[in-house]
Amino acid sequence: MIVQVVTFLCVLGMVIGQVLFKLSANSFNQTGSYFALKTILILFMTLFIYGITTLCWIWVLQKVELGRVYPLMALAFILVPLASHFIFGERFPPQYFFGVAMIISGVVLVIRAY
């Protein structure tokens, strides 16, 4: 059970990291410099979260086969755009939701195979 929780936290870490990368890109557009305090703080925060996520992922892989947990990483393809919608106001074409349904179906299919 704890492995599944940590795996999901790894997915959330990836999602948060992607949102922070977008925030750093927006900050760079505003400041014009990667070395502006706001931009560099966001970048370092992103790298810190990715570092912690990587260490957690290595722990997960010590406990479970890669092929068994890696399909859960596909959830990031759903959660990142959802976060971008709520945080940045991004919109999606209708076929996006068809793709999301296919991803969810695929993840469920692969997980049930084990």
N, C-alpha and C. Protein backbone atom coordinates (compact mmCIF):
# COMPACT_ATOMS: atom_id res chain seq x y z
N MET A 1 0.83 -1.20 0.00
CA MET A 1 0.00 0.00 0.00
C MET A 1 0.87 1.26 0.00
N ILE A 2 1.92 1.27 0.82
CA ILE A 2 2.78 2.46 0.89
C ILE A 2 3.48 2.70 -0.44
N VAL A 3 3.79 1.63 -1.17
CA VAL A 3 4.45 1.79 -2.47
C VAL A 3 3.53 2.52 -3.44
N GLN A 4 2.24 2.18 -3.43
CA GLN A 4 1.29 2.86 -4.31
C GLN A 4 1.15 4.33 -3.95
N VAL A 5 1.16 4.62 -2.66
CA VAL A 5 1.05 6.02 -2.21
C VAL A 5 2.28 6.80 -2.66
N VAL A 6 3.47 6.23 -2.46
CA VAL A 6 4.69 6.92 -2.87
C VAL A 6 4.74 7.07 -4.39
N THR A 7 4.27 6.05 -5.11
CA THR A 7 4.21 6.15 -6.57
C THR A 7 3.31 7.31 -6.99
N PHE A 8 2.15 7.43 -6.36
CA PHE A 8 1.25 8.53 -6.69
C PHE A 8 1.88 9.87 -6.31
N LEU A 9 2.61 9.90 -5.19
CA LEU A 9 3.31 11.14 -4.82
C LEU A 9 4.38 11.49 -5.86
N CYS A 10 4.99 10.49 -6.46
CA CYS A 10 5.95 10.75 -7.55
C CYS A 10 5.26 11.39 -8.75
N VAL A 11 4.08 10.88 -9.07
CA VAL A 11 3.30 11.48 -10.16
C VAL A 11 2.97 12.93 -9.82
N LEU A 12 2.53 13.16 -8.59
CA LEU A 12 2.20 14.53 -8.17
C LEU A 12 3.45 15.42 -8.20
N GLY A 13 4.59 14.88 -7.83
CA GLY A 13 5.84 15.64 -7.91
C GLY A 13 6.15 16.06 -9.33
N MET A 14 5.90 15.15 -10.28
CA MET A 14 6.11 15.50 -11.69
C MET A 14 5.15 16.60 -12.12
N VAL A 15 3.90 16.49 -11.69
CA VAL A 15 2.89 17.49 -12.05
C VAL A 15 3.27 18.85 -11.48
N ILE A 16 3.61 18.88 -10.21
CA ILE A 16 4.01 20.14 -9.58
C ILE A 16 5.24 20.71 -10.27
N GLY A 17 6.20 19.85 -10.60
CA GLY A 17 7.40 20.30 -11.30
C GLY A 17 7.08 20.94 -12.65
N GLN A 18 6.18 20.34 -13.40
CA GLN A 18 5.81 20.90 -14.70
C GLN A 18 5.13 22.26 -14.55
N VAL A 19 4.26 22.37 -13.55
CA VAL A 19 3.60 23.66 -13.30
C VAL A 19 4.64 24.71 -12.91
N LEU A 20 5.60 24.32 -12.08
CA LEU A 20 6.65 25.26 -11.69
C LEU A 20 7.54 25.63 -12.87
N PHE A 21 7.81 24.68 -13.77
CA PHE A 21 8.57 25.02 -14.98
C PHE A 21 7.83 26.09 -15.78
N LYS A 22 6.51 25.94 -15.89
CA LYS A 22 5.72 26.93 -16.62
C LYS A 22 5.76 28.29 -15.90
N LEU A 23 5.68 28.25 -14.58
CA LEU A 23 5.77 29.50 -13.82
C LEU A 23 7.13 30.16 -14.01
N SER A 24 8.19 29.35 -14.07
CA SER A 24 9.51 29.94 -14.29
C SER A 24 9.63 30.50 -15.70
N ALA A 25 9.01 29.84 -16.67
CA ALA A 25 9.01 30.38 -18.04
C ALA A 25 8.25 31.71 -18.08
N ASN A 26 7.13 31.77 -17.39
CA ASN A 26 6.37 33.03 -17.32
C ASN A 26 7.19 34.11 -16.63
N SER A 27 7.89 33.74 -15.58
CA SER A 27 8.73 34.70 -14.86
C SER A 27 9.86 35.20 -15.76
N PHE A 28 10.44 34.29 -16.52
CA PHE A 28 11.50 34.69 -17.45
C PHE A 28 10.96 35.68 -18.48
N ASN A 29 9.75 35.43 -18.98
CA ASN A 29 9.14 36.35 -19.94
C ASN A 29 8.94 37.74 -19.33
N GLN A 30 8.62 37.77 -18.05
CA GLN A 30 8.40 39.05 -17.38
C GLN A 30 9.71 39.78 -17.09
N THR A 31 10.71 39.02 -16.62
CA THR A 31 11.95 39.66 -16.17
C THR A 31 13.02 39.73 -17.26
N GLY A 32 12.97 38.80 -18.23
CA GLY A 32 13.96 38.76 -19.28
C GLY A 32 15.28 38.14 -18.86
N SER A 33 15.29 37.51 -17.66
CA SER A 33 16.54 36.94 -17.17
C SER A 33 16.27 35.67 -16.36
N TYR A 34 17.10 34.66 -16.60
CA TYR A 34 17.03 33.46 -15.77
C TYR A 34 17.58 33.73 -14.37
N PHE A 35 18.33 34.79 -14.23
CA PHE A 35 18.98 35.09 -12.96
C PHE A 35 18.20 36.09 -12.11
N ALA A 36 17.03 36.50 -12.58
CA ALA A 36 16.16 37.33 -11.74
C ALA A 36 15.74 36.50 -10.53
N LEU A 37 15.64 37.13 -9.39
CA LEU A 37 15.38 36.42 -8.13
C LEU A 37 14.13 35.53 -8.23
N LYS A 38 13.05 36.06 -8.73
CA LYS A 38 11.81 35.29 -8.82
C LYS A 38 12.00 34.07 -9.71
N THR A 39 12.62 34.25 -10.86
CA THR A 39 12.82 33.15 -11.81
C THR A 39 13.71 32.07 -11.22
N ILE A 40 14.81 32.47 -10.64
CA ILE A 40 15.76 31.49 -10.12
C ILE A 40 15.20 30.75 -8.90
N LEU A 41 14.41 31.43 -8.08
CA LEU A 41 13.78 30.76 -6.94
C LEU A 41 12.81 29.68 -7.41
N ILE A 42 12.02 30.00 -8.41
CA ILE A 42 11.08 29.02 -8.94
C ILE A 42 11.84 27.85 -9.57
N LEU A 43 12.90 28.15 -10.31
CA LEU A 43 13.69 27.07 -10.92
C LEU A 43 14.32 26.17 -9.86
N PHE A 44 14.89 26.74 -8.82
CA PHE A 44 15.50 25.93 -7.77
C PHE A 44 14.45 25.11 -7.01
N MET A 45 13.28 25.69 -6.80
CA MET A 45 12.21 24.95 -6.16
C MET A 45 11.80 23.75 -7.04
N THR A 46 11.73 23.98 -8.33
CA THR A 46 11.39 22.91 -9.27
C THR A 46 12.44 21.80 -9.22
N LEU A 47 13.70 22.17 -9.27
CA LEU A 47 14.77 21.18 -9.23
C LEU A 47 14.77 20.42 -7.91
N PHE A 48 14.49 21.10 -6.81
CA PHE A 48 14.40 20.44 -5.51
C PHE A 48 13.28 19.40 -5.52
N ILE A 49 12.11 19.78 -6.00
CA ILE A 49 10.97 18.86 -6.05
C ILE A 49 11.29 17.68 -6.97
N TYR A 50 11.90 17.95 -8.13
CA TYR A 50 12.27 16.86 -9.03
C TYR A 50 13.32 15.95 -8.37
N GLY A 51 14.23 16.51 -7.60
CA GLY A 51 15.23 15.70 -6.91
C GLY A 51 14.59 14.77 -5.89
N ILE A 52 13.69 15.31 -5.07
CA ILE A 52 12.98 14.50 -4.07
C ILE A 52 12.14 13.43 -4.78
N THR A 53 11.46 13.82 -5.85
CA THR A 53 10.65 12.87 -6.61
C THR A 53 11.51 11.75 -7.18
N THR A 54 12.69 12.08 -7.67
CA THR A 54 13.59 11.07 -8.21
C THR A 54 14.02 10.09 -7.12
N LEU A 55 14.37 10.59 -5.94
CA LEU A 55 14.76 9.70 -4.85
C LEU A 55 13.60 8.79 -4.44
N CYS A 56 12.41 9.33 -4.40
CA CYS A 56 11.23 8.52 -4.08
C CYS A 56 10.98 7.46 -5.15
N TRP A 57 11.16 7.83 -6.41
CA TRP A 57 10.96 6.90 -7.52
C TRP A 57 11.97 5.75 -7.43
N ILE A 58 13.20 6.06 -7.08
CA ILE A 58 14.22 5.01 -6.92
C ILE A 58 13.80 4.06 -5.80
N TRP A 59 13.26 4.60 -4.71
CA TRP A 59 12.78 3.76 -3.62
C TRP A 59 11.66 2.83 -4.10
N VAL A 60 10.72 3.41 -4.87
CA VAL A 60 9.62 2.60 -5.42
C VAL A 60 10.18 1.46 -6.27
N LEU A 61 11.15 1.77 -7.11
CA LEU A 61 11.71 0.75 -8.01
C LEU A 61 12.49 -0.33 -7.25
N GLN A 62 12.91 -0.04 -6.04
CA GLN A 62 13.53 -1.08 -5.21
C GLN A 62 12.49 -2.09 -4.74
N LYS A 63 11.25 -1.66 -4.66
CA LYS A 63 10.18 -2.49 -4.10
C LYS A 63 9.34 -3.21 -5.15
N VAL A 64 9.22 -2.61 -6.35
CA VAL A 64 8.27 -3.10 -7.35
C VAL A 64 8.94 -3.11 -8.72
N GLU A 65 8.47 -4.00 -9.59
CA GLU A 65 8.97 -4.06 -10.96
C GLU A 65 8.61 -2.77 -11.71
N LEU A 66 9.53 -2.31 -12.53
CA LEU A 66 9.33 -1.08 -13.30
C LEU A 66 8.08 -1.18 -14.17
N GLY A 67 7.92 -2.29 -14.86
CA GLY A 67 6.77 -2.46 -15.75
C GLY A 67 5.44 -2.43 -15.04
N ARG A 68 5.47 -2.68 -13.76
CA ARG A 68 4.23 -2.69 -12.99
C ARG A 68 3.80 -1.30 -12.55
N VAL A 69 4.76 -0.42 -12.23
CA VAL A 69 4.39 0.91 -11.72
C VAL A 69 4.52 2.02 -12.76
N TYR A 70 5.32 1.80 -13.79
CA TYR A 70 5.54 2.88 -14.75
C TYR A 70 4.26 3.35 -15.44
N PRO A 71 3.32 2.45 -15.75
CA PRO A 71 2.08 2.96 -16.37
C PRO A 71 1.37 4.03 -15.56
N LEU A 72 1.57 4.03 -14.24
CA LEU A 72 0.94 5.07 -13.42
C LEU A 72 1.48 6.45 -13.74
N MET A 73 2.70 6.51 -14.28
CA MET A 73 3.28 7.81 -14.66
C MET A 73 2.46 8.47 -15.77
N ALA A 74 1.70 7.67 -16.51
CA ALA A 74 0.84 8.23 -17.56
C ALA A 74 -0.22 9.15 -16.97
N LEU A 75 -0.49 9.01 -15.69
CA LEU A 75 -1.46 9.90 -15.05
C LEU A 75 -1.00 11.36 -15.11
N ALA A 76 0.30 11.57 -15.24
CA ALA A 76 0.81 12.94 -15.37
C ALA A 76 0.29 13.59 -16.65
N PHE A 77 0.06 12.78 -17.70
CA PHE A 77 -0.48 13.32 -18.95
C PHE A 77 -1.90 13.82 -18.79
N ILE A 78 -2.55 13.41 -17.73
CA ILE A 78 -3.91 13.87 -17.44
C ILE A 78 -3.85 15.04 -16.44
N LEU A 79 -3.05 14.86 -15.39
CA LEU A 79 -3.03 15.84 -14.31
C LEU A 79 -2.34 17.14 -14.68
N VAL A 80 -1.29 17.09 -15.50
CA VAL A 80 -0.59 18.33 -15.88
C VAL A 80 -1.52 19.25 -16.68
N PRO A 81 -2.20 18.75 -17.72
CA PRO A 81 -3.12 19.65 -18.42
C PRO A 81 -4.27 20.14 -17.53
N LEU A 82 -4.76 19.29 -16.63
CA LEU A 82 -5.81 19.76 -15.72
C LEU A 82 -5.29 20.89 -14.84
N ALA A 83 -4.08 20.72 -14.32
CA ALA A 83 -3.47 21.79 -13.52
C ALA A 83 -3.29 23.05 -14.36
N SER A 84 -2.86 22.88 -15.61
CA SER A 84 -2.65 24.06 -16.46
C SER A 84 -3.97 24.77 -16.75
N HIS A 85 -5.05 24.01 -16.79
CA HIS A 85 -6.36 24.63 -17.00
C HIS A 85 -6.75 25.48 -15.79
N PHE A 86 -6.60 24.91 -14.59
CA PHE A 86 -7.03 25.62 -13.39
C PHE A 86 -6.06 26.72 -12.97
N ILE A 87 -4.77 26.54 -13.23
CA ILE A 87 -3.79 27.53 -12.79
C ILE A 87 -3.54 28.61 -13.83
N PHE A 88 -3.45 28.19 -15.11
CA PHE A 88 -3.09 29.14 -16.17
C PHE A 88 -4.25 29.48 -17.11
N GLY A 89 -5.41 28.83 -16.89
CA GLY A 89 -6.57 29.11 -17.73
C GLY A 89 -6.47 28.54 -19.13
N GLU A 90 -5.61 27.54 -19.33
CA GLU A 90 -5.48 26.93 -20.66
C GLU A 90 -6.74 26.14 -21.00
N ARG A 91 -7.05 26.10 -22.29
CA ARG A 91 -8.26 25.40 -22.76
C ARG A 91 -7.85 24.22 -23.62
N PHE A 92 -8.77 23.26 -23.76
CA PHE A 92 -8.48 22.05 -24.51
C PHE A 92 -9.52 21.80 -25.59
N PRO A 93 -9.09 21.26 -26.72
CA PRO A 93 -10.06 20.88 -27.75
C PRO A 93 -10.81 19.62 -27.31
N PRO A 94 -11.97 19.36 -27.89
CA PRO A 94 -12.78 18.20 -27.48
C PRO A 94 -12.03 16.86 -27.58
N GLN A 95 -11.17 16.71 -28.58
CA GLN A 95 -10.47 15.43 -28.73
C GLN A 95 -9.52 15.16 -27.56
N TYR A 96 -9.16 16.19 -26.81
CA TYR A 96 -8.33 16.00 -25.63
C TYR A 96 -9.00 15.03 -24.66
N PHE A 97 -10.30 15.20 -24.46
CA PHE A 97 -11.01 14.37 -23.50
C PHE A 97 -11.11 12.92 -23.97
N PHE A 98 -11.16 12.73 -25.27
CA PHE A 98 -11.10 11.37 -25.82
C PHE A 98 -9.74 10.75 -25.51
N GLY A 99 -8.69 11.52 -25.67
CA GLY A 99 -7.35 11.05 -25.36
C GLY A 99 -7.19 10.71 -23.89
N VAL A 100 -7.77 11.55 -23.02
CA VAL A 100 -7.72 11.29 -21.58
C VAL A 100 -8.41 9.97 -21.26
N ALA A 101 -9.56 9.74 -21.88
CA ALA A 101 -10.27 8.47 -21.66
C ALA A 101 -9.43 7.29 -22.12
N MET A 102 -8.72 7.45 -23.22
CA MET A 102 -7.86 6.36 -23.71
C MET A 102 -6.70 6.12 -22.74
N ILE A 103 -6.11 7.18 -22.21
CA ILE A 103 -5.01 7.02 -21.26
C ILE A 103 -5.49 6.30 -20.00
N ILE A 104 -6.61 6.74 -19.46
CA ILE A 104 -7.16 6.10 -18.27
C ILE A 104 -7.45 4.63 -18.54
N SER A 105 -8.07 4.34 -19.68
CA SER A 105 -8.36 2.96 -20.04
C SER A 105 -7.09 2.13 -20.13
N GLY A 106 -6.07 2.69 -20.73
CA GLY A 106 -4.80 1.99 -20.86
C GLY A 106 -4.15 1.71 -19.51
N VAL A 107 -4.16 2.70 -18.64
CA VAL A 107 -3.58 2.51 -17.30
C VAL A 107 -4.34 1.43 -16.55
N VAL A 108 -5.65 1.49 -16.57
CA VAL A 108 -6.46 0.49 -15.89
C VAL A 108 -6.20 -0.90 -16.48
N LEU A 109 -6.13 -1.00 -17.78
CA LEU A 109 -5.88 -2.28 -18.44
C LEU A 109 -4.53 -2.87 -18.02
N VAL A 110 -3.50 -2.04 -18.02
CA VAL A 110 -2.16 -2.51 -17.66
C VAL A 110 -2.11 -2.90 -16.18
N ILE A 111 -2.70 -2.11 -15.33
CA ILE A 111 -2.68 -2.43 -13.88
C ILE A 111 -3.42 -3.72 -13.58
N ARG A 112 -4.52 -3.93 -14.26
CA ARG A 112 -5.30 -5.16 -14.04
C ARG A 112 -4.58 -6.40 -14.58
N ALA A 113 -3.60 -6.19 -15.45
CA ALA A 113 -2.86 -7.32 -16.01
C ALA A 113 -1.98 -7.98 -14.95
N TYR A 114 -1.68 -7.25 -13.87
CA TYR A 114 -0.82 -7.79 -12.81
C TYR A 114 -1.61 -8.35 -11.68
